Amino acid sequence: MKNWSLASLAGLGSAALLGGALYFQYVMGLAPCELCVEQRWPHLAAFLIGVAVWFFPARWLMALGALAVATSGALGIYHTGVERGWWEGPTACSGTADISSLSPSDALDVIMAAPVVRCTDVAWEMLGLSMASWNAILSFALAALWIVALRRA
């Protein structure tokens, strides 16, 4: 398989992961948290890079594709740690904001601005791994595919 074909395949893998996330959101009714949404953007970028590689098979584009999916994988590891309580997540979606020093009006503003879906809650899991964990695993597999394409270039 040619290097641009592998890179395009990796881009399609990102499109599949993004499509799966949208399926869970819109068909299965699982609303994403803030960290879930942040993991999607690098996959969109990797898909677009995969399309660009089809027309312009440049090494730097393949490196950028690998970086994009690796970024999503790193976010997936971070999100997994937040879900499992290994470390604190963003206060905006972890329910850990300290409002004790705020006035009642300001506290209400903080509560009302908080997203409905908490980053600490696992909405779905398979084989004991959450969607964030699966995203990390599959993202790093796609990064490896991008790197193989880059090395063949």
N, C-alpha and C. Protein backbone atom coordinates (compact mmCIF):
# COMPACT_ATOMS: atom_id res chain seq x y z
N MET A 1 0.84 -1.17 0.00
CA MET A 1 0.00 0.00 0.00
C MET A 1 0.89 1.24 0.00
N LYS A 2 0.54 2.21 -0.78
CA LYS A 2 1.33 3.43 -0.88
C LYS A 2 1.14 4.29 0.37
N ASN A 3 2.12 5.14 0.61
CA ASN A 3 2.09 5.98 1.81
C ASN A 3 0.86 6.88 1.87
N TRP A 4 0.46 7.46 0.75
CA TRP A 4 -0.71 8.34 0.75
C TRP A 4 -1.98 7.54 0.98
N SER A 5 -1.99 6.27 0.55
CA SER A 5 -3.16 5.42 0.81
C SER A 5 -3.28 5.12 2.30
N LEU A 6 -2.15 4.83 2.95
CA LEU A 6 -2.18 4.58 4.39
C LEU A 6 -2.61 5.82 5.15
N ALA A 7 -2.10 6.96 4.74
CA ALA A 7 -2.46 8.21 5.41
C ALA A 7 -3.94 8.50 5.23
N SER A 8 -4.45 8.28 4.03
CA SER A 8 -5.87 8.49 3.79
C SER A 8 -6.72 7.51 4.58
N LEU A 9 -6.24 6.28 4.71
CA LEU A 9 -6.93 5.28 5.53
C LEU A 9 -6.97 5.73 6.99
N ALA A 10 -5.88 6.29 7.48
CA ALA A 10 -5.85 6.79 8.84
C ALA A 10 -6.83 7.95 9.00
N GLY A 11 -6.91 8.81 7.99
CA GLY A 11 -7.89 9.90 8.02
C GLY A 11 -9.31 9.37 8.04
N LEU A 12 -9.57 8.30 7.29
CA LEU A 12 -10.90 7.69 7.32
C LEU A 12 -11.18 7.05 8.67
N GLY A 13 -10.14 6.54 9.33
CA GLY A 13 -10.31 6.00 10.68
C GLY A 13 -10.77 7.08 11.64
N SER A 14 -10.21 8.27 11.50
CA SER A 14 -10.65 9.39 12.33
C SER A 14 -12.09 9.77 12.01
N ALA A 15 -12.44 9.73 10.74
CA ALA A 15 -13.83 10.02 10.36
C ALA A 15 -14.77 8.98 10.97
N ALA A 16 -14.34 7.73 11.01
CA ALA A 16 -15.17 6.68 11.61
C ALA A 16 -15.34 6.90 13.12
N LEU A 17 -14.26 7.28 13.80
CA LEU A 17 -14.38 7.56 15.23
C LEU A 17 -15.29 8.76 15.48
N LEU A 18 -15.14 9.77 14.67
CA LEU A 18 -16.00 10.94 14.79
C LEU A 18 -17.45 10.57 14.50
N GLY A 19 -17.66 9.76 13.47
CA GLY A 19 -19.01 9.30 13.16
C GLY A 19 -19.60 8.47 14.29
N GLY A 20 -18.77 7.64 14.91
CA GLY A 20 -19.24 6.85 16.05
C GLY A 20 -19.65 7.73 17.21
N ALA A 21 -18.87 8.77 17.48
CA ALA A 21 -19.22 9.70 18.57
C ALA A 21 -20.54 10.41 18.26
N LEU A 22 -20.72 10.82 17.03
CA LEU A 22 -21.96 11.49 16.65
C LEU A 22 -23.15 10.52 16.69
N TYR A 23 -22.92 9.26 16.35
CA TYR A 23 -23.95 8.24 16.46
C TYR A 23 -24.40 8.09 17.91
N PHE A 24 -23.43 7.97 18.82
CA PHE A 24 -23.79 7.84 20.24
C PHE A 24 -24.54 9.09 20.73
N GLN A 25 -24.17 10.25 20.22
CA GLN A 25 -24.82 11.47 20.65
C GLN A 25 -26.24 11.60 20.10
N TYR A 26 -26.39 11.46 18.78
CA TYR A 26 -27.66 11.78 18.16
C TYR A 26 -28.61 10.59 18.02
N VAL A 27 -28.09 9.38 17.94
CA VAL A 27 -28.96 8.21 17.81
C VAL A 27 -29.20 7.55 19.17
N MET A 28 -28.14 7.39 19.94
CA MET A 28 -28.25 6.73 21.24
C MET A 28 -28.63 7.70 22.36
N GLY A 29 -28.56 9.00 22.10
CA GLY A 29 -28.98 9.99 23.09
C GLY A 29 -27.99 10.25 24.21
N LEU A 30 -26.70 9.92 24.01
CA LEU A 30 -25.68 10.16 25.03
C LEU A 30 -25.03 11.51 24.78
N ALA A 31 -25.45 12.51 25.54
CA ALA A 31 -24.90 13.85 25.37
C ALA A 31 -23.44 13.87 25.79
N PRO A 32 -22.58 14.53 25.02
CA PRO A 32 -21.15 14.57 25.36
C PRO A 32 -20.85 15.63 26.41
N CYS A 33 -19.82 15.37 27.18
CA CYS A 33 -19.34 16.38 28.12
C CYS A 33 -18.32 17.27 27.38
N GLU A 34 -17.82 18.25 28.09
CA GLU A 34 -16.86 19.18 27.50
C GLU A 34 -15.61 18.47 26.98
N LEU A 35 -15.08 17.51 27.75
CA LEU A 35 -13.87 16.79 27.33
C LEU A 35 -14.15 15.87 26.15
N CYS A 36 -15.35 15.32 26.08
CA CYS A 36 -15.71 14.48 24.94
C CYS A 36 -15.65 15.29 23.64
N VAL A 37 -16.21 16.49 23.70
CA VAL A 37 -16.23 17.34 22.51
C VAL A 37 -14.81 17.74 22.12
N GLU A 38 -13.97 18.03 23.11
CA GLU A 38 -12.59 18.41 22.81
C GLU A 38 -11.82 17.29 22.12
N GLN A 39 -12.17 16.04 22.39
CA GLN A 39 -11.50 14.91 21.74
C GLN A 39 -11.90 14.77 20.28
N ARG A 40 -13.01 15.34 19.89
CA ARG A 40 -13.50 15.22 18.51
C ARG A 40 -12.75 16.11 17.53
N TRP A 41 -12.37 17.31 17.94
CA TRP A 41 -11.76 18.27 17.03
C TRP A 41 -10.49 17.75 16.37
N PRO A 42 -9.58 17.09 17.11
CA PRO A 42 -8.39 16.57 16.42
C PRO A 42 -8.73 15.50 15.37
N HIS A 43 -9.80 14.75 15.59
CA HIS A 43 -10.19 13.75 14.59
C HIS A 43 -10.73 14.43 13.33
N LEU A 44 -11.44 15.51 13.50
CA LEU A 44 -11.89 16.26 12.33
C LEU A 44 -10.70 16.78 11.55
N ALA A 45 -9.71 17.31 12.28
CA ALA A 45 -8.50 17.80 11.62
C ALA A 45 -7.78 16.66 10.90
N ALA A 46 -7.66 15.50 11.55
CA ALA A 46 -6.96 14.36 10.93
C ALA A 46 -7.70 13.88 9.68
N PHE A 47 -9.02 13.89 9.71
CA PHE A 47 -9.78 13.50 8.52
C PHE A 47 -9.49 14.46 7.37
N LEU A 48 -9.53 15.75 7.66
CA LEU A 48 -9.26 16.75 6.61
C LEU A 48 -7.83 16.63 6.09
N ILE A 49 -6.90 16.34 6.98
CA ILE A 49 -5.51 16.13 6.56
C ILE A 49 -5.41 14.88 5.68
N GLY A 50 -6.17 13.84 6.05
CA GLY A 50 -6.19 12.62 5.23
C GLY A 50 -6.70 12.89 3.82
N VAL A 51 -7.68 13.75 3.70
CA VAL A 51 -8.19 14.15 2.38
C VAL A 51 -7.12 14.94 1.64
N ALA A 52 -6.46 15.86 2.34
CA ALA A 52 -5.41 16.67 1.71
C ALA A 52 -4.26 15.81 1.22
N VAL A 53 -3.90 14.78 1.99
CA VAL A 53 -2.80 13.89 1.61
C VAL A 53 -3.11 13.15 0.31
N TRP A 54 -4.38 12.91 0.07
CA TRP A 54 -4.79 12.24 -1.18
C TRP A 54 -4.32 13.06 -2.38
N PHE A 55 -4.39 14.38 -2.27
CA PHE A 55 -4.04 15.27 -3.36
C PHE A 55 -2.60 15.78 -3.28
N PHE A 56 -2.10 15.94 -2.06
CA PHE A 56 -0.75 16.46 -1.83
C PHE A 56 -0.02 15.56 -0.83
N PRO A 57 0.55 14.45 -1.27
CA PRO A 57 1.17 13.49 -0.34
C PRO A 57 2.50 13.99 0.23
N ALA A 58 2.41 14.97 1.10
CA ALA A 58 3.61 15.57 1.70
C ALA A 58 3.89 14.95 3.07
N ARG A 59 5.15 14.77 3.38
CA ARG A 59 5.55 14.19 4.67
C ARG A 59 5.06 15.04 5.84
N TRP A 60 5.14 16.34 5.71
CA TRP A 60 4.74 17.21 6.83
C TRP A 60 3.25 17.09 7.11
N LEU A 61 2.43 16.81 6.08
CA LEU A 61 1.00 16.60 6.31
C LEU A 61 0.77 15.30 7.08
N MET A 62 1.56 14.28 6.75
CA MET A 62 1.42 13.01 7.47
C MET A 62 1.84 13.15 8.93
N ALA A 63 2.87 13.92 9.16
CA ALA A 63 3.30 14.18 10.54
C ALA A 63 2.22 14.96 11.29
N LEU A 64 1.59 15.89 10.61
CA LEU A 64 0.52 16.67 11.22
C LEU A 64 -0.69 15.78 11.54
N GLY A 65 -0.98 14.83 10.65
CA GLY A 65 -2.08 13.89 10.91
C GLY A 65 -1.80 13.03 12.13
N ALA A 66 -0.55 12.57 12.26
CA ALA A 66 -0.17 11.78 13.43
C ALA A 66 -0.29 12.60 14.70
N LEU A 67 0.14 13.85 14.63
CA LEU A 67 0.05 14.73 15.79
C LEU A 67 -1.40 14.98 16.19
N ALA A 68 -2.27 15.14 15.21
CA ALA A 68 -3.68 15.40 15.49
C ALA A 68 -4.32 14.24 16.24
N VAL A 69 -4.15 13.02 15.73
CA VAL A 69 -4.79 11.89 16.42
C VAL A 69 -4.11 11.57 17.74
N ALA A 70 -2.82 11.81 17.84
CA ALA A 70 -2.13 11.62 19.12
C ALA A 70 -2.65 12.62 20.16
N THR A 71 -2.99 13.82 19.71
CA THR A 71 -3.58 14.81 20.61
C THR A 71 -4.92 14.32 21.15
N SER A 72 -5.74 13.76 20.26
CA SER A 72 -7.01 13.20 20.72
C SER A 72 -6.79 12.04 21.68
N GLY A 73 -5.78 11.21 21.41
CA GLY A 73 -5.46 10.12 22.31
C GLY A 73 -5.03 10.61 23.68
N ALA A 74 -4.21 11.66 23.70
CA ALA A 74 -3.77 12.23 24.97
C ALA A 74 -4.95 12.81 25.74
N LEU A 75 -5.86 13.48 25.04
CA LEU A 75 -7.07 13.98 25.68
C LEU A 75 -7.92 12.83 26.22
N GLY A 76 -7.94 11.71 25.49
CA GLY A 76 -8.67 10.54 25.95
C GLY A 76 -8.09 9.97 27.24
N ILE A 77 -6.77 9.95 27.34
CA ILE A 77 -6.13 9.49 28.58
C ILE A 77 -6.46 10.45 29.73
N TYR A 78 -6.38 11.74 29.46
CA TYR A 78 -6.71 12.73 30.48
C TYR A 78 -8.16 12.54 30.95
N HIS A 79 -9.08 12.38 30.00
CA HIS A 79 -10.49 12.22 30.32
C HIS A 79 -10.72 10.92 31.11
N THR A 80 -10.03 9.86 30.73
CA THR A 80 -10.14 8.61 31.48
C THR A 80 -9.71 8.81 32.92
N GLY A 81 -8.62 9.52 33.13
CA GLY A 81 -8.16 9.80 34.49
C GLY A 81 -9.16 10.61 35.29
N VAL A 82 -9.83 11.55 34.64
CA VAL A 82 -10.87 12.34 35.30
C VAL A 82 -12.04 11.43 35.68
N GLU A 83 -12.45 10.56 34.75
CA GLU A 83 -13.56 9.65 35.03
C GLU A 83 -13.26 8.70 36.19
N ARG A 84 -12.05 8.24 36.26
CA ARG A 84 -11.67 7.27 37.30
C ARG A 84 -11.20 7.91 38.60
N GLY A 85 -11.16 9.24 38.62
CA GLY A 85 -10.78 9.95 39.82
C GLY A 85 -9.28 9.95 40.09
N TRP A 86 -8.48 9.69 39.07
CA TRP A 86 -7.02 9.69 39.23
C TRP A 86 -6.51 11.12 39.41
N TRP A 87 -7.18 12.08 38.80
CA TRP A 87 -6.85 13.49 38.93
C TRP A 87 -8.11 14.29 38.69
N GLU A 88 -8.05 15.56 39.07
CA GLU A 88 -9.21 16.42 38.89
C GLU A 88 -9.31 16.89 37.44
N GLY A 89 -10.52 17.05 37.00
CA GLY A 89 -10.76 17.57 35.66
C GLY A 89 -11.06 19.05 35.73
N PRO A 90 -11.46 19.61 34.63
CA PRO A 90 -11.84 21.02 34.62
C PRO A 90 -13.01 21.24 35.58
N THR A 91 -12.95 22.29 36.36
CA THR A 91 -14.02 22.53 37.33
C THR A 91 -15.35 22.81 36.66
N ALA A 92 -15.32 23.26 35.42
CA ALA A 92 -16.56 23.58 34.72
C ALA A 92 -17.41 22.34 34.45
N CYS A 93 -16.78 21.17 34.34
CA CYS A 93 -17.58 19.98 34.02
C CYS A 93 -17.36 18.83 34.99
N SER A 94 -16.62 19.06 36.05
CA SER A 94 -16.37 17.99 37.01
C SER A 94 -17.20 18.11 38.27
N GLY A 95 -17.92 19.20 38.41
CA GLY A 95 -18.73 19.38 39.60
C GLY A 95 -17.90 19.65 40.83
N THR A 96 -16.68 20.16 40.65
CA THR A 96 -15.79 20.39 41.78
C THR A 96 -15.56 21.87 42.05
N ALA A 97 -16.35 22.74 41.44
CA ALA A 97 -16.17 24.17 41.65
C ALA A 97 -16.49 24.53 43.10
N ASP A 98 -15.63 25.31 43.72
CA ASP A 98 -15.85 25.76 45.09
C ASP A 98 -16.65 27.06 45.04
N ILE A 99 -17.89 26.98 45.46
CA ILE A 99 -18.76 28.15 45.43
C ILE A 99 -19.03 28.69 46.83
N SER A 100 -18.35 28.14 47.84
CA SER A 100 -18.62 28.53 49.22
C SER A 100 -18.30 29.99 49.50
N SER A 101 -17.36 30.57 48.78
CA SER A 101 -16.97 31.96 49.04
C SER A 101 -17.74 32.96 48.18
N LEU A 102 -18.64 32.47 47.33
CA LEU A 102 -19.39 33.34 46.43
C LEU A 102 -20.69 33.81 47.07
N SER A 103 -21.17 34.93 46.59
CA SER A 103 -22.49 35.39 47.02
C SER A 103 -23.53 34.43 46.45
N PRO A 104 -24.71 34.39 47.04
CA PRO A 104 -25.75 33.48 46.50
C PRO A 104 -26.04 33.73 45.02
N SER A 105 -26.03 35.00 44.61
CA SER A 105 -26.29 35.32 43.21
C SER A 105 -25.17 34.79 42.30
N ASP A 106 -23.92 35.00 42.71
CA ASP A 106 -22.78 34.52 41.93
C ASP A 106 -22.74 33.00 41.92
N ALA A 107 -23.05 32.37 43.05
CA ALA A 107 -23.06 30.91 43.12
C ALA A 107 -24.11 30.34 42.17
N LEU A 108 -25.27 30.98 42.13
CA LEU A 108 -26.32 30.53 41.21
C LEU A 108 -25.87 30.67 39.77
N ASP A 109 -25.15 31.76 39.44
CA ASP A 109 -24.63 31.95 38.09
C ASP A 109 -23.66 30.83 37.71
N VAL A 110 -22.79 30.44 38.66
CA VAL A 110 -21.83 29.36 38.41
C VAL A 110 -22.57 28.04 38.19
N ILE A 111 -23.56 27.78 39.01
CA ILE A 111 -24.33 26.53 38.89
C ILE A 111 -25.09 26.49 37.57
N MET A 112 -25.71 27.59 37.19
CA MET A 112 -26.51 27.62 35.97
C MET A 112 -25.64 27.56 34.71
N ALA A 113 -24.39 28.01 34.81
CA ALA A 113 -23.49 27.99 33.66
C ALA A 113 -22.81 26.63 33.49
N ALA A 114 -22.91 25.79 34.50
CA ALA A 114 -22.25 24.48 34.43
C ALA A 114 -22.96 23.59 33.41
N PRO A 115 -22.19 22.81 32.65
CA PRO A 115 -22.83 21.90 31.69
C PRO A 115 -23.61 20.82 32.40
N VAL A 116 -24.60 20.29 31.70
CA VAL A 116 -25.46 19.27 32.28
C VAL A 116 -24.69 17.95 32.42
N VAL A 117 -23.84 17.64 31.46
CA VAL A 117 -23.11 16.38 31.47
C VAL A 117 -21.77 16.58 32.17
N ARG A 118 -21.53 15.81 33.20
CA ARG A 118 -20.28 15.94 33.95
C ARG A 118 -19.20 15.07 33.32
N CYS A 119 -17.98 15.58 33.31
CA CYS A 119 -16.83 14.87 32.74
C CYS A 119 -16.42 13.68 33.60
N THR A 120 -16.88 13.64 34.82
CA THR A 120 -16.52 12.55 35.73
C THR A 120 -17.43 11.33 35.57
N ASP A 121 -18.53 11.48 34.87
CA ASP A 121 -19.49 10.38 34.69
C ASP A 121 -19.17 9.59 33.43
N VAL A 122 -19.20 8.28 33.56
CA VAL A 122 -19.01 7.40 32.40
C VAL A 122 -20.39 7.09 31.83
N ALA A 123 -20.64 7.56 30.62
CA ALA A 123 -21.95 7.36 30.00
C ALA A 123 -22.09 5.98 29.36
N TRP A 124 -20.99 5.40 28.91
CA TRP A 124 -21.01 4.11 28.21
C TRP A 124 -19.65 3.47 28.37
N GLU A 125 -19.65 2.15 28.51
CA GLU A 125 -18.37 1.44 28.56
C GLU A 125 -18.51 0.06 27.94
N MET A 126 -17.40 -0.46 27.47
CA MET A 126 -17.34 -1.80 26.91
C MET A 126 -16.04 -2.44 27.40
N LEU A 127 -16.14 -3.65 27.90
CA LEU A 127 -14.99 -4.37 28.44
C LEU A 127 -14.30 -3.58 29.55
N GLY A 128 -15.08 -2.83 30.31
CA GLY A 128 -14.54 -2.06 31.42
C GLY A 128 -13.86 -0.77 31.02
N LEU A 129 -13.93 -0.41 29.75
CA LEU A 129 -13.29 0.83 29.27
C LEU A 129 -14.36 1.79 28.78
N SER A 130 -14.20 3.06 29.14
CA SER A 130 -15.15 4.09 28.72
C SER A 130 -14.87 4.51 27.28
N MET A 131 -15.76 5.34 26.76
CA MET A 131 -15.53 5.86 25.41
C MET A 131 -14.23 6.65 25.33
N ALA A 132 -13.90 7.37 26.39
CA ALA A 132 -12.65 8.13 26.40
C ALA A 132 -11.45 7.19 26.32
N SER A 133 -11.53 6.06 27.02
CA SER A 133 -10.44 5.07 26.98
C SER A 133 -10.32 4.46 25.59
N TRP A 134 -11.46 4.10 25.01
CA TRP A 134 -11.43 3.53 23.65
C TRP A 134 -10.91 4.55 22.65
N ASN A 135 -11.30 5.81 22.83
CA ASN A 135 -10.77 6.84 21.94
C ASN A 135 -9.25 6.91 22.03
N ALA A 136 -8.72 6.83 23.24
CA ALA A 136 -7.27 6.89 23.41
C ALA A 136 -6.59 5.73 22.69
N ILE A 137 -7.09 4.53 22.90
CA ILE A 137 -6.50 3.34 22.29
C ILE A 137 -6.55 3.44 20.76
N LEU A 138 -7.72 3.74 20.23
CA LEU A 138 -7.89 3.79 18.78
C LEU A 138 -7.15 4.98 18.17
N SER A 139 -7.08 6.08 18.89
CA SER A 139 -6.34 7.24 18.38
C SER A 139 -4.85 6.93 18.26
N PHE A 140 -4.31 6.27 19.27
CA PHE A 140 -2.88 5.93 19.19
C PHE A 140 -2.62 4.88 18.11
N ALA A 141 -3.58 3.99 17.86
CA ALA A 141 -3.44 3.04 16.74
C ALA A 141 -3.42 3.80 15.42
N LEU A 142 -4.29 4.80 15.29
CA LEU A 142 -4.30 5.61 14.07
C LEU A 142 -3.02 6.43 13.95
N ALA A 143 -2.50 6.91 15.07
CA ALA A 143 -1.23 7.65 15.03
C ALA A 143 -0.12 6.74 14.51
N ALA A 144 -0.13 5.47 14.93
CA ALA A 144 0.86 4.52 14.43
C ALA A 144 0.72 4.34 12.92
N LEU A 145 -0.51 4.29 12.43
CA LEU A 145 -0.73 4.16 10.99
C LEU A 145 -0.21 5.40 10.25
N TRP A 146 -0.44 6.57 10.79
CA TRP A 146 0.10 7.80 10.20
C TRP A 146 1.62 7.74 10.16
N ILE A 147 2.22 7.24 11.23
CA ILE A 147 3.69 7.18 11.30
C ILE A 147 4.24 6.17 10.30
N VAL A 148 3.56 5.05 10.11
CA VAL A 148 3.98 4.08 9.08
C VAL A 148 3.93 4.74 7.72
N ALA A 149 2.86 5.49 7.45
CA ALA A 149 2.76 6.19 6.17
C ALA A 149 3.88 7.21 6.01
N LEU A 150 4.18 7.91 7.09
CA LEU A 150 5.26 8.90 7.06
C LEU A 150 6.61 8.24 6.79
N ARG A 151 6.87 7.12 7.41
CA ARG A 151 8.16 6.43 7.22
C ARG A 151 8.31 5.87 5.80
N ARG A 152 7.18 5.53 5.18
CA ARG A 152 7.24 5.03 3.81
C ARG A 152 7.38 6.12 2.78
N ALA A 153 7.10 7.35 3.21
CA ALA A 153 7.13 8.48 2.26
C ALA A 153 8.56 8.83 1.86
